Amino acid sequence: MVTNKFDDTLAAIELNAARKLNWDYSQFKDFFSFTVNKEAIEIALKNQIEESQLETLKQALLDYGFQYKKTVNDLILVFEQDVELR
């Protein structure tokens, strides 16, 4: 049941990010693939984005308590929940 609740949260994060980017959801899914890895969200970039769009994405995840942690191979962005919010 916890997974189901987190799935709802992940969907809300995706929708929030799409809204902040002024993109429709299908356009958003063409650029990003979200996966959950333990306490982190990994976002694979399917297409290149502008730096301003990357900053908007980071802010959208911060709205839900996830902070940017690292980039792996310039293709995967890793966000972890703020330790203080856990």
Protein backbone atom coordinates (compact mmCIF):
# COMPACT_ATOMS: atom_id res chain seq x y z
CA MET A 1 0.00 0.00 0.00
CA VAL A 2 2.92 2.34 0.62
CA THR A 3 4.09 1.79 -2.97
CA ASN A 4 0.65 2.75 -4.27
CA LYS A 5 0.77 5.97 -2.26
CA PHE A 6 4.24 6.76 -3.60
CA ASP A 7 3.07 6.03 -7.16
CA ASP A 8 0.42 8.72 -6.65
CA THR A 9 3.09 11.10 -5.36
CA LEU A 10 5.35 10.32 -8.31
CA ALA A 11 2.49 11.05 -10.72
CA ALA A 12 1.84 14.36 -8.93
CA ILE A 13 5.54 15.26 -9.19
CA GLU A 14 5.51 14.50 -12.93
CA LEU A 15 2.37 16.56 -13.49
CA ASN A 16 3.77 19.44 -11.44
CA ALA A 17 7.01 19.39 -13.43
CA ALA A 18 5.12 19.31 -16.75
CA ARG A 19 2.95 22.23 -15.63
CA LYS A 20 5.98 24.29 -14.54
CA LEU A 21 7.60 23.65 -17.92
CA ASN A 22 4.33 24.63 -19.68
CA TRP A 23 4.34 21.25 -21.44
CA ASP A 24 1.51 18.79 -21.86
CA TYR A 25 2.02 15.45 -20.14
CA SER A 26 2.74 13.47 -23.33
CA GLN A 27 5.43 15.98 -24.34
CA PHE A 28 6.89 15.67 -20.85
CA LYS A 29 7.00 11.86 -21.09
CA ASP A 30 8.79 12.17 -24.46
CA PHE A 31 11.67 13.93 -22.69
CA PHE A 32 11.84 12.23 -19.28
CA SER A 33 11.52 8.77 -17.77
CA PHE A 34 11.05 8.65 -14.00
CA THR A 35 12.04 5.61 -11.92
CA VAL A 36 12.22 5.08 -8.20
CA ASN A 37 15.40 3.61 -6.74
CA LYS A 38 15.14 3.13 -2.96
CA GLU A 39 14.89 6.64 -1.46
CA ALA A 40 15.70 8.40 -4.73
CA ILE A 41 14.00 9.36 -7.96
CA GLU A 42 16.08 8.84 -11.08
CA ILE A 43 15.12 10.82 -14.15
CA ALA A 44 16.50 9.64 -17.47
CA LEU A 45 16.74 12.29 -20.15
CA LYS A 46 15.44 10.92 -23.45
CA ASN A 47 16.15 14.18 -25.29
CA GLN A 48 18.35 17.20 -24.64
CA ILE A 49 16.85 20.07 -22.68
CA GLU A 50 17.91 23.64 -22.09
CA GLU A 51 19.59 24.67 -18.85
CA SER A 52 16.56 26.79 -17.88
CA GLN A 53 14.29 23.75 -18.35
CA LEU A 54 16.62 21.69 -16.16
CA GLU A 55 16.41 24.33 -13.43
CA THR A 56 12.61 24.30 -13.68
CA LEU A 57 12.62 20.52 -13.33
CA LYS A 58 14.85 20.75 -10.25
CA GLN A 59 12.47 23.30 -8.70
CA ALA A 60 9.45 21.09 -9.41
CA LEU A 61 11.06 18.21 -7.50
CA LEU A 62 12.12 20.53 -4.69
CA ASP A 63 8.42 21.40 -4.27
CA TYR A 64 7.98 17.79 -3.08
CA GLY A 65 11.09 17.69 -0.89
CA PHE A 66 13.45 16.08 -3.42
CA GLN A 67 16.81 17.73 -3.90
CA TYR A 68 19.17 17.31 -6.82
CA LYS A 69 21.97 14.90 -5.84
CA LYS A 70 24.02 14.06 -8.96
CA THR A 71 24.08 13.41 -12.69
CA VAL A 72 25.14 10.02 -14.01
CA ASN A 73 26.69 9.89 -17.50
CA ASP A 74 24.99 13.20 -18.42
CA LEU A 75 21.77 11.22 -18.91
CA ILE A 76 20.34 10.39 -15.50
CA LEU A 77 19.51 12.96 -12.85
CA VAL A 78 19.26 11.64 -9.29
CA PHE A 79 17.11 13.37 -6.68
CA GLU A 80 16.87 12.34 -3.04
CA GLN A 81 14.41 13.38 -0.40
CA ASP A 82 15.56 16.03 2.00
CA VAL A 83 16.85 14.18 5.06
CA GLU A 84 15.08 16.66 7.34
CA LEU A 85 11.70 15.81 5.75
CA ARG A 86 12.04 12.02 6.14
